[in-house]
């Protein structure tokens, strides 16, 4: 019985990189879709208000860019570059 358990554990360990690779591929695809959707919304000049974004906008207007980026990341779980780009777009608007 122990041998079967060890074999099952080894099989799971060997499959982990395949699962991780698949998850990363799905995440990259979701990121591409989100960027395309953002471009479409921007082209159509449609603003989608996310809860809490008014706080980010207020910080941008106060010139507190770094704090605005931090809050944006907290609200959206975005990466640093994505949050920085979003806040910079808000500065231009």
PDB file of N, CA and C in Angstrom:
ATOM      1  N   UNK A   1       0.823  -1.186   0.000  1.00  0.00           N
ATOM      2  CA  UNK A   1       0.000   0.000   0.000  1.00  0.00           C
ATOM      3  C   UNK A   1       0.870   1.254   0.000  1.00  0.00           C
ATOM      4  N   UNK A   2       1.979   1.236   0.764  1.00  0.00           N
ATOM      5  CA  UNK A   2       2.875   2.387   0.797  1.00  0.00           C
ATOM      6  C   UNK A   2       3.477   2.657  -0.574  1.00  0.00           C
ATOM      7  N   UNK A   3       3.788   1.615  -1.301  1.00  0.00           N
ATOM      8  CA  UNK A   3       4.377   1.772  -2.623  1.00  0.00           C
ATOM      9  C   UNK A   3       3.410   2.502  -3.548  1.00  0.00           C
ATOM     10  N   UNK A   4       2.159   2.151  -3.472  1.00  0.00           N
ATOM     11  CA  UNK A   4       1.155   2.820  -4.309  1.00  0.00           C
ATOM     12  C   UNK A   4       1.045   4.296  -3.949  1.00  0.00           C
ATOM     13  N   UNK A   5       1.125   4.614  -2.694  1.00  0.00           N
ATOM     14  CA  UNK A   5       1.061   6.014  -2.263  1.00  0.00           C
ATOM     15  C   UNK A   5       2.281   6.776  -2.766  1.00  0.00           C
ATOM     16  N   UNK A   6       3.450   6.188  -2.681  1.00  0.00           N
ATOM     17  CA  UNK A   6       4.661   6.838  -3.178  1.00  0.00           C
ATOM     18  C   UNK A   6       4.581   7.060  -4.688  1.00  0.00           C
ATOM     19  N   UNK A   7       4.075   6.083  -5.392  1.00  0.00           N
ATOM     20  CA  UNK A   7       3.931   6.203  -6.849  1.00  0.00           C
ATOM     21  C   UNK A   7       2.955   7.332  -7.177  1.00  0.00           C
ATOM     22  N   UNK A   8       1.872   7.426  -6.445  1.00  0.00           N
ATOM     23  CA  UNK A   8       0.889   8.494  -6.673  1.00  0.00           C
ATOM     24  C   UNK A   8       1.511   9.860  -6.401  1.00  0.00           C
ATOM     25  N   UNK A   9       2.284   9.979  -5.338  1.00  0.00           N
ATOM     26  CA  UNK A   9       2.935  11.247  -5.005  1.00  0.00           C
ATOM     27  C   UNK A   9       3.940  11.638  -6.085  1.00  0.00           C
ATOM     28  N   UNK A  10       4.730  10.691  -6.537  1.00  0.00           N
ATOM     29  CA  UNK A  10       5.707  10.964  -7.593  1.00  0.00           C
ATOM     30  C   UNK A  10       4.995  11.378  -8.869  1.00  0.00           C
ATOM     31  N   UNK A  11       3.907  10.722  -9.198  1.00  0.00           N
ATOM     32  CA  UNK A  11       3.149  11.078 -10.389  1.00  0.00           C
ATOM     33  C   UNK A  11       2.622  12.510 -10.302  1.00  0.00           C
ATOM     34  N   UNK A  12       2.125  12.890  -9.142  1.00  0.00           N
ATOM     35  CA  UNK A  12       1.644  14.259  -8.953  1.00  0.00           C
ATOM     36  C   UNK A  12       2.776  15.272  -9.073  1.00  0.00           C
ATOM     37  N   UNK A  13       3.908  14.944  -8.499  1.00  0.00           N
ATOM     38  CA  UNK A  13       5.063  15.844  -8.565  1.00  0.00           C
ATOM     39  C   UNK A  13       5.526  16.015 -10.008  1.00  0.00           C
ATOM     40  N   UNK A  14       5.513  14.948 -10.759  1.00  0.00           N
ATOM     41  CA  UNK A  14       5.944  15.016 -12.161  1.00  0.00           C
ATOM     42  C   UNK A  14       4.947  15.796 -13.019  1.00  0.00           C
ATOM     43  N   UNK A  15       3.690  15.796 -12.656  1.00  0.00           N
ATOM     44  CA  UNK A  15       2.667  16.498 -13.433  1.00  0.00           C
ATOM     45  C   UNK A  15       2.594  17.980 -13.089  1.00  0.00           C
ATOM     46  N   UNK A  16       3.145  18.392 -11.955  1.00  0.00           N
ATOM     47  CA  UNK A  16       3.059  19.787 -11.520  1.00  0.00           C
ATOM     48  C   UNK A  16       3.582  20.779 -12.558  1.00  0.00           C
ATOM     49  N   UNK A  17       4.769  20.547 -13.141  1.00  0.00           N
ATOM     50  CA  UNK A  17       5.246  21.517 -14.152  1.00  0.00           C
ATOM     51  C   UNK A  17       4.298  21.637 -15.343  1.00  0.00           C
ATOM     52  N   UNK A  18       3.674  20.547 -15.719  1.00  0.00           N
ATOM     53  CA  UNK A  18       2.723  20.607 -16.832  1.00  0.00           C
ATOM     54  C   UNK A  18       1.509  21.450 -16.464  1.00  0.00           C
ATOM     55  N   UNK A  19       1.011  21.270 -15.251  1.00  0.00           N
ATOM     56  CA  UNK A  19      -0.129  22.059 -14.796  1.00  0.00           C
ATOM     57  C   UNK A  19       0.244  23.533 -14.664  1.00  0.00           C
ATOM     58  N   UNK A  20       1.410  23.798 -14.128  1.00  0.00           N
ATOM     59  CA  UNK A  20       1.855  25.185 -13.963  1.00  0.00           C
ATOM     60  C   UNK A  20       2.017  25.862 -15.322  1.00  0.00           C
ATOM     61  N   UNK A  21       2.556  25.147 -16.276  1.00  0.00           N
ATOM     62  CA  UNK A  21       2.720  25.675 -17.623  1.00  0.00           C
ATOM     63  C   UNK A  21       1.369  26.008 -18.248  1.00  0.00           C
ATOM     64  N   UNK A  22       0.430  25.124 -18.059  1.00  0.00           N
ATOM     65  CA  UNK A  22      -0.919  25.336 -18.607  1.00  0.00           C
ATOM     66  C   UNK A  22      -1.593  26.544 -17.957  1.00  0.00           C
ATOM     67  N   UNK A  23      -1.431  26.682 -16.656  1.00  0.00           N
ATOM     68  CA  UNK A  23      -2.015  27.821 -15.937  1.00  0.00           C
ATOM     69  C   UNK A  23      -1.397  29.120 -16.432  1.00  0.00           C
ATOM     70  N   UNK A  24      -0.083  29.149 -16.632  1.00  0.00           N
ATOM     71  CA  UNK A  24       0.583  30.349 -17.131  1.00  0.00           C
ATOM     72  C   UNK A  24       0.101  30.700 -18.535  1.00  0.00           C
ATOM     73  N   UNK A  25      -0.103  29.687 -19.356  1.00  0.00           N
ATOM     74  CA  UNK A  25      -0.601  29.917 -20.714  1.00  0.00           C
ATOM     75  C   UNK A  25      -2.007  30.530 -20.676  1.00  0.00           C
ATOM     76  N   UNK A  26      -2.860  30.015 -19.813  1.00  0.00           N
ATOM     77  CA  UNK A  26      -4.219  30.545 -19.668  1.00  0.00           C
ATOM     78  C   UNK A  26      -4.167  31.981 -19.141  1.00  0.00           C
ATOM     79  N   UNK A  27      -3.266  32.261 -18.198  1.00  0.00           N
ATOM     80  CA  UNK A  27      -3.137  33.612 -17.649  1.00  0.00           C
ATOM     81  C   UNK A  27      -2.685  34.590 -18.721  1.00  0.00           C
ATOM     82  N   UNK A  28      -1.703  34.196 -19.545  1.00  0.00           N
ATOM     83  CA  UNK A  28      -1.247  35.074 -20.626  1.00  0.00           C
ATOM     84  C   UNK A  28      -2.371  35.355 -21.610  1.00  0.00           C
ATOM     85  N   UNK A  29      -3.156  34.339 -21.915  1.00  0.00           N
ATOM     86  CA  UNK A  29      -4.287  34.521 -22.835  1.00  0.00           C
ATOM     87  C   UNK A  29      -5.331  35.465 -22.232  1.00  0.00           C
ATOM     88  N   UNK A  30      -5.630  35.297 -20.953  1.00  0.00           N
ATOM     89  CA  UNK A  30      -6.589  36.180 -20.287  1.00  0.00           C
ATOM     90  C   UNK A  30      -6.064  37.616 -20.277  1.00  0.00           C
ATOM     91  N   UNK A  31      -4.762  37.796 -20.064  1.00  0.00           N
ATOM     92  CA  UNK A  31      -4.171  39.134 -20.080  1.00  0.00           C
ATOM     93  C   UNK A  31      -4.304  39.769 -21.464  1.00  0.00           C
ATOM     94  N   UNK A  32      -4.057  38.986 -22.522  1.00  0.00           N
ATOM     95  CA  UNK A  32      -4.209  39.516 -23.890  1.00  0.00           C
ATOM     96  C   UNK A  32      -5.651  39.918 -24.166  1.00  0.00           C
ATOM     97  N   UNK A  33      -6.589  39.096 -23.745  1.00  0.00           N
ATOM     98  CA  UNK A  33      -8.006  39.404 -23.944  1.00  0.00           C
ATOM     99  C   UNK A  33      -8.379  40.681 -23.195  1.00  0.00           C
ATOM    100  N   UNK A  34      -7.889  40.822 -21.984  1.00  0.00           N
ATOM    101  CA  UNK A  34      -8.199  42.016 -21.190  1.00  0.00           C
ATOM    102  C   UNK A  34      -7.625  43.264 -21.854  1.00  0.00           C
ATOM    103  N   UNK A  35      -6.386  43.173 -22.371  1.00  0.00           N
ATOM    104  CA  UNK A  35      -5.796  44.330 -23.056  1.00  0.00           C
ATOM    105  C   UNK A  35      -6.613  44.707 -24.286  1.00  0.00           C
ATOM    106  N   UNK A  36      -7.058  43.713 -25.042  1.00  0.00           N
ATOM    107  CA  UNK A  36      -7.873  43.984 -26.234  1.00  0.00           C
ATOM    108  C   UNK A  36      -9.191  44.632 -25.847  1.00  0.00           C
ATOM    109  N   UNK A  37      -9.804  44.141 -24.798  1.00  0.00           N
ATOM    110  CA  UNK A  37     -11.057  44.720 -24.333  1.00  0.00           C
ATOM    111  C   UNK A  37     -10.853  46.161 -23.894  1.00  0.00           C
ATOM    112  N   UNK A  38      -9.740  46.429 -23.204  1.00  0.00           N
ATOM    113  CA  UNK A  38      -9.430  47.802 -22.797  1.00  0.00           C
ATOM    114  C   UNK A  38      -9.265  48.704 -24.015  1.00  0.00           C
ATOM    115  N   UNK A  39      -8.611  48.199 -25.061  1.00  0.00           N
ATOM    116  CA  UNK A  39      -8.452  48.987 -26.286  1.00  0.00           C
ATOM    117  C   UNK A  39      -9.798  49.284 -26.938  1.00  0.00           C
ATOM    118  N   UNK A  40     -10.661  48.288 -26.979  1.00  0.00           N
ATOM    119  CA  UNK A  40     -11.993  48.480 -27.564  1.00  0.00           C
ATOM    120  C   UNK A  40     -12.774  49.513 -26.775  1.00  0.00           C
ATOM    121  N   UNK A  41     -12.770  49.382 -25.448  1.00  0.00           N
ATOM    122  CA  UNK A  41     -13.485  50.349 -24.614  1.00  0.00           C
ATOM    123  C   UNK A  41     -12.907  51.752 -24.791  1.00  0.00           C
ATOM    124  N   UNK A  42     -11.586  51.849 -24.892  1.00  0.00           N
ATOM    125  CA  UNK A  42     -10.956  53.144 -25.109  1.00  0.00           C
ATOM    126  C   UNK A  42     -11.326  53.733 -26.462  1.00  0.00           C
ATOM    127  N   UNK A  43     -11.348  52.892 -27.484  1.00  0.00           N
ATOM    128  CA  UNK A  43     -11.707  53.356 -28.830  1.00  0.00           C
ATOM    129  C   UNK A  43     -13.146  53.860 -28.874  1.00  0.00           C
ATOM    130  N   UNK A  44     -14.021  53.191 -28.163  1.00  0.00           N
ATOM    131  CA  UNK A  44     -15.425  53.591 -28.120  1.00  0.00           C
ATOM    132  C   UNK A  44     -15.678  54.680 -27.075  1.00  0.00           C
ATOM    133  N   UNK A  45     -14.602  55.093 -26.386  1.00  0.00           N
ATOM    134  CA  UNK A  45     -14.674  56.120 -25.345  1.00  0.00           C
ATOM    135  C   UNK A  45     -15.691  55.753 -24.262  1.00  0.00           C
ATOM    136  N   UNK A  46     -15.635  54.489 -23.858  1.00  0.00           N
ATOM    137  CA  UNK A  46     -16.505  53.997 -22.795  1.00  0.00           C
ATOM    138  C   UNK A  46     -15.679  53.891 -21.524  1.00  0.00           C
ATOM    139  N   UNK A  47     -16.129  54.557 -20.492  1.00  0.00           N
ATOM    140  CA  UNK A  47     -15.445  54.517 -19.205  1.00  0.00           C
ATOM    141  C   UNK A  47     -16.180  53.533 -18.290  1.00  0.00           C
ATOM    142  N   UNK A  48     -15.453  52.572 -17.778  1.00  0.00           N
ATOM    143  CA  UNK A  48     -16.027  51.605 -16.852  1.00  0.00           C
ATOM    144  C   UNK A  48     -15.514  51.950 -15.462  1.00  0.00           C
ATOM    145  N   UNK A  49     -16.416  52.387 -14.626  1.00  0.00           N
ATOM    146  CA  UNK A  49     -16.021  52.779 -13.279  1.00  0.00           C
ATOM    147  C   UNK A  49     -15.926  51.544 -12.390  1.00  0.00           C
ATOM    148  N   UNK A  50     -14.743  51.346 -11.839  1.00  0.00           N
ATOM    149  CA  UNK A  50     -14.547  50.236 -10.919  1.00  0.00           C
ATOM    150  C   UNK A  50     -14.678  50.771  -9.499  1.00  0.00           C
ATOM    151  N   UNK A  51     -15.208  49.987  -8.598  1.00  0.00           N
ATOM    152  CA  UNK A  51     -15.351  50.451  -7.217  1.00  0.00           C
ATOM    153  C   UNK A  51     -14.001  50.854  -6.626  1.00  0.00           C
ATOM    154  N   UNK A  52     -13.948  52.013  -6.011  1.00  0.00           N
ATOM    155  CA  UNK A  52     -12.733  52.487  -5.379  1.00  0.00           C
ATOM    156  C   UNK A  52     -11.833  53.313  -6.272  1.00  0.00           C
ATOM    157  N   UNK A  53     -12.103  53.354  -7.575  1.00  0.00           N
ATOM    158  CA  UNK A  53     -11.247  54.089  -8.495  1.00  0.00           C
ATOM    159  C   UNK A  53     -11.295  55.595  -8.254  1.00  0.00           C
ATOM    160  N   UNK A  54     -12.377  56.074  -7.661  1.00  0.00           N
ATOM    161  CA  UNK A  54     -12.452  57.509  -7.390  1.00  0.00           C
ATOM    162  C   UNK A  54     -11.326  57.933  -6.437  1.00  0.00           C
ATOM    163  N   UNK A  55     -10.935  57.024  -5.559  1.00  0.00           N
ATOM    164  CA  UNK A  55      -9.821  57.293  -4.642  1.00  0.00           C
ATOM    165  C   UNK A  55      -8.512  57.424  -5.419  1.00  0.00           C
ATOM    166  N   UNK A  56      -8.312  56.558  -6.412  1.00  0.00           N
ATOM    167  CA  UNK A  56      -7.110  56.619  -7.245  1.00  0.00           C
ATOM    168  C   UNK A  56      -7.095  57.921  -8.031  1.00  0.00           C
ATOM    169  N   UNK A  57      -8.234  58.267  -8.621  1.00  0.00           N
ATOM    170  CA  UNK A  57      -8.329  59.500  -9.405  1.00  0.00           C
ATOM    171  C   UNK A  57      -8.027  60.711  -8.523  1.00  0.00           C
ATOM    172  N   UNK A  58      -8.547  60.712  -7.303  1.00  0.00           N
ATOM    173  CA  UNK A  58      -8.299  61.820  -6.379  1.00  0.00           C
ATOM    174  C   UNK A  58      -6.798  61.941  -6.073  1.00  0.00           C
ATOM    175  N   UNK A  59      -6.135  60.813  -5.879  1.00  0.00           N
ATOM    176  CA  UNK A  59      -4.698  60.836  -5.600  1.00  0.00           C
ATOM    177  C   UNK A  59      -3.919  61.360  -6.807  1.00  0.00           C
ATOM    178  N   UNK A  60      -4.347  60.964  -8.001  1.00  0.00           N
ATOM    179  CA  UNK A  60      -3.695  61.451  -9.220  1.00  0.00           C
ATOM    180  C   UNK A  60      -3.844  62.965  -9.306  1.00  0.00           C
ATOM    181  N   UNK A  61      -5.039  63.463  -9.035  1.00  0.00           N
ATOM    182  CA  UNK A  61      -5.284  64.909  -9.099  1.00  0.00           C
ATOM    183  C   UNK A  61      -4.472  65.678  -8.057  1.00  0.00           C
ATOM    184  N   UNK A  62      -4.171  65.021  -6.942  1.00  0.00           N
ATOM    185  CA  UNK A  62      -3.367  65.647  -5.889  1.00  0.00           C
ATOM    186  C   UNK A  62      -1.870  65.546  -6.179  1.00  0.00           C
ATOM    187  N   UNK A  63      -1.528  64.858  -7.271  1.00  0.00           N
ATOM    188  CA  UNK A  63      -0.121  64.703  -7.628  1.00  0.00           C
ATOM    189  C   UNK A  63       0.585  63.606  -6.853  1.00  0.00           C
ATOM    190  N   UNK A  64      -0.163  62.718  -6.223  1.00  0.00           N
ATOM    191  CA  UNK A  64       0.415  61.622  -5.438  1.00  0.00           C
ATOM    192  C   UNK A  64       0.431  60.346  -6.281  1.00  0.00           C
ATOM    193  N   UNK A  65       1.270  60.357  -7.290  1.00  0.00           N
ATOM    194  CA  UNK A  65       1.309  59.271  -8.272  1.00  0.00           C
ATOM    195  C   UNK A  65       1.677  57.928  -7.645  1.00  0.00           C
ATOM    196  N   UNK A  66       2.694  57.894  -6.819  1.00  0.00           N
ATOM    197  CA  UNK A  66       3.145  56.625  -6.233  1.00  0.00           C
ATOM    198  C   UNK A  66       2.054  56.032  -5.350  1.00  0.00           C
ATOM    199  N   UNK A  67       1.419  56.874  -4.539  1.00  0.00           N
ATOM    200  CA  UNK A  67       0.330  56.383  -3.696  1.00  0.00           C
ATOM    201  C   UNK A  67      -0.848  55.904  -4.547  1.00  0.00           C
ATOM    202  N   UNK A  68      -1.109  56.616  -5.653  1.00  0.00           N
ATOM    203  CA  UNK A  68      -2.189  56.211  -6.563  1.00  0.00           C
ATOM    204  C   UNK A  68      -1.896  54.841  -7.165  1.00  0.00           C
ATOM    205  N   UNK A  69      -0.639  54.594  -7.517  1.00  0.00           N
ATOM    206  CA  UNK A  69      -0.249  53.292  -8.075  1.00  0.00           C
ATOM    207  C   UNK A  69      -0.454  52.198  -7.037  1.00  0.00           C
ATOM    208  N   UNK A  70      -0.069  52.470  -5.786  1.00  0.00           N
ATOM    209  CA  UNK A  70      -0.243  51.476  -4.719  1.00  0.00           C
ATOM    210  C   UNK A  70      -1.720  51.134  -4.522  1.00  0.00           C
ATOM    211  N   UNK A  71      -2.555  52.161  -4.473  1.00  0.00           N
ATOM    212  CA  UNK A  71      -3.990  51.928  -4.271  1.00  0.00           C
ATOM    213  C   UNK A  71      -4.572  51.183  -5.461  1.00  0.00           C
ATOM    214  N   UNK A  72      -4.173  51.565  -6.670  1.00  0.00           N
ATOM    215  CA  UNK A  72      -4.651  50.892  -7.879  1.00  0.00           C
ATOM    216  C   UNK A  72      -4.306  49.403  -7.814  1.00  0.00           C
ATOM    217  N   UNK A  73      -3.084  49.091  -7.406  1.00  0.00           N
ATOM    218  CA  UNK A  73      -2.667  47.689  -7.307  1.00  0.00           C
ATOM    219  C   UNK A  73      -3.486  46.936  -6.273  1.00  0.00           C
ATOM    220  N   UNK A  74      -3.790  47.598  -5.142  1.00  0.00           N
ATOM    221  CA  UNK A  74      -4.606  46.950  -4.107  1.00  0.00           C
ATOM    222  C   UNK A  74      -6.003  46.638  -4.625  1.00  0.00           C
ATOM    223  N   UNK A  75      -6.568  47.575  -5.392  1.00  0.00           N
ATOM    224  CA  UNK A  75      -7.938  47.413  -5.875  1.00  0.00           C
ATOM    225  C   UNK A  75      -8.052  46.377  -6.989  1.00  0.00           C
ATOM    226  N   UNK A  76      -7.028  46.297  -7.840  1.00  0.00           N
ATOM    227  CA  UNK A  76      -7.148  45.487  -9.055  1.00  0.00           C
ATOM    228  C   UNK A  76      -6.261  44.251  -9.092  1.00  0.00           C
ATOM    229  N   UNK A  77      -5.347  44.116  -8.149  1.00  0.00           N
ATOM    230  CA  UNK A  77      -4.352  43.034  -8.174  1.00  0.00           C
ATOM    231  C   UNK A  77      -3.465  43.107  -9.417  1.00  0.00           C
ATOM    232  N   UNK A  78      -3.316  44.305  -9.961  1.00  0.00           N
ATOM    233  CA  UNK A  78      -2.489  44.503 -11.149  1.00  0.00           C
ATOM    234  C   UNK A  78      -1.017  44.475 -10.768  1.00  0.00           C
ATOM    235  N   UNK A  79      -0.192  44.196 -11.759  1.00  0.00           N
ATOM    236  CA  UNK A  79       1.245  44.267 -11.562  1.00  0.00           C
ATOM    237  C   UNK A  79       1.699  45.723 -11.523  1.00  0.00           C
ATOM    238  N   UNK A  80       2.951  45.926 -11.178  1.00  0.00           N
ATOM    239  CA  UNK A  80       3.475  47.276 -11.039  1.00  0.00           C
ATOM    240  C   UNK A  80       3.412  48.046 -12.356  1.00  0.00           C
ATOM    241  N   UNK A  81       3.851  47.433 -13.443  1.00  0.00           N
ATOM    242  CA  UNK A  81       3.852  48.124 -14.736  1.00  0.00           C
ATOM    243  C   UNK A  81       2.440  48.452 -15.185  1.00  0.00           C
ATOM    244  N   UNK A  82       1.545  47.498 -15.051  1.00  0.00           N
ATOM    245  CA  UNK A  82       0.157  47.726 -15.461  1.00  0.00           C
ATOM    246  C   UNK A  82      -0.466  48.856 -14.647  1.00  0.00           C
ATOM    247  N   UNK A  83      -0.215  48.878 -13.352  1.00  0.00           N
ATOM    248  CA  UNK A  83      -0.762  49.927 -12.492  1.00  0.00           C
ATOM    249  C   UNK A  83      -0.154  51.279 -12.845  1.00  0.00           C
ATOM    250  N   UNK A  84       1.151  51.311 -13.091  1.00  0.00           N
ATOM    251  CA  UNK A  84       1.822  52.559 -13.455  1.00  0.00           C
ATOM    252  C   UNK A  84       1.253  53.095 -14.762  1.00  0.00           C
ATOM    253  N   UNK A  85       1.099  52.222 -15.749  1.00  0.00           N
ATOM    254  CA  UNK A  85       0.540  52.641 -17.033  1.00  0.00           C
ATOM    255  C   UNK A  85      -0.880  53.181 -16.869  1.00  0.00           C
ATOM    256  N   UNK A  86      -1.690  52.513 -16.052  1.00  0.00           N
ATOM    257  CA  UNK A  86      -3.074  52.956 -15.832  1.00  0.00           C
ATOM    258  C   UNK A  86      -3.121  54.326 -15.163  1.00  0.00           C
ATOM    259  N   UNK A  87      -2.277  54.531 -14.166  1.00  0.00           N
ATOM    260  CA  UNK A  87      -2.250  55.816 -13.459  1.00  0.00           C
ATOM    261  C   UNK A  87      -1.753  56.914 -14.401  1.00  0.00           C
ATOM    262  N   UNK A  88      -0.774  56.604 -15.231  1.00  0.00           N
ATOM    263  CA  UNK A  88      -0.287  57.595 -16.194  1.00  0.00           C
ATOM    264  C   UNK A  88      -1.366  57.965 -17.212  1.00  0.00           C
ATOM    265  N   UNK A  89      -2.179  56.980 -17.598  1.00  0.00           N
ATOM    266  CA  UNK A  89      -3.309  57.287 -18.499  1.00  0.00           C
ATOM    267  C   UNK A  89      -4.295  58.217 -17.799  1.00  0.00           C
ATOM    268  N   UNK A  90      -4.497  58.007 -16.507  1.00  0.00           N
ATOM    269  CA  UNK A  90      -5.404  58.876 -15.743  1.00  0.00           C
ATOM    270  C   UNK A  90      -4.840  60.289 -15.675  1.00  0.00           C
ATOM    271  N   UNK A  91      -3.519  60.410 -15.589  1.00  0.00           N
ATOM    272  CA  UNK A  91      -2.895  61.734 -15.536  1.00  0.00           C
ATOM    273  C   UNK A  91      -3.156  62.511 -16.823  1.00  0.00           C
ATOM    274  N   UNK A  92      -3.150  61.797 -17.943  1.00  0.00           N
ATOM    275  CA  UNK A  92      -3.337  62.444 -19.238  1.00  0.00           C
ATOM    276  C   UNK A  92      -4.788  62.822 -19.513  1.00  0.00           C
ATOM    277  N   UNK A  93      -5.704  62.105 -18.852  1.00  0.00           N
ATOM    278  CA  UNK A  93      -7.139  62.334 -19.121  1.00  0.00           C
ATOM    279  C   UNK A  93      -7.638  63.610 -18.501  1.00  0.00           C
TER     280      UNK A  93
END
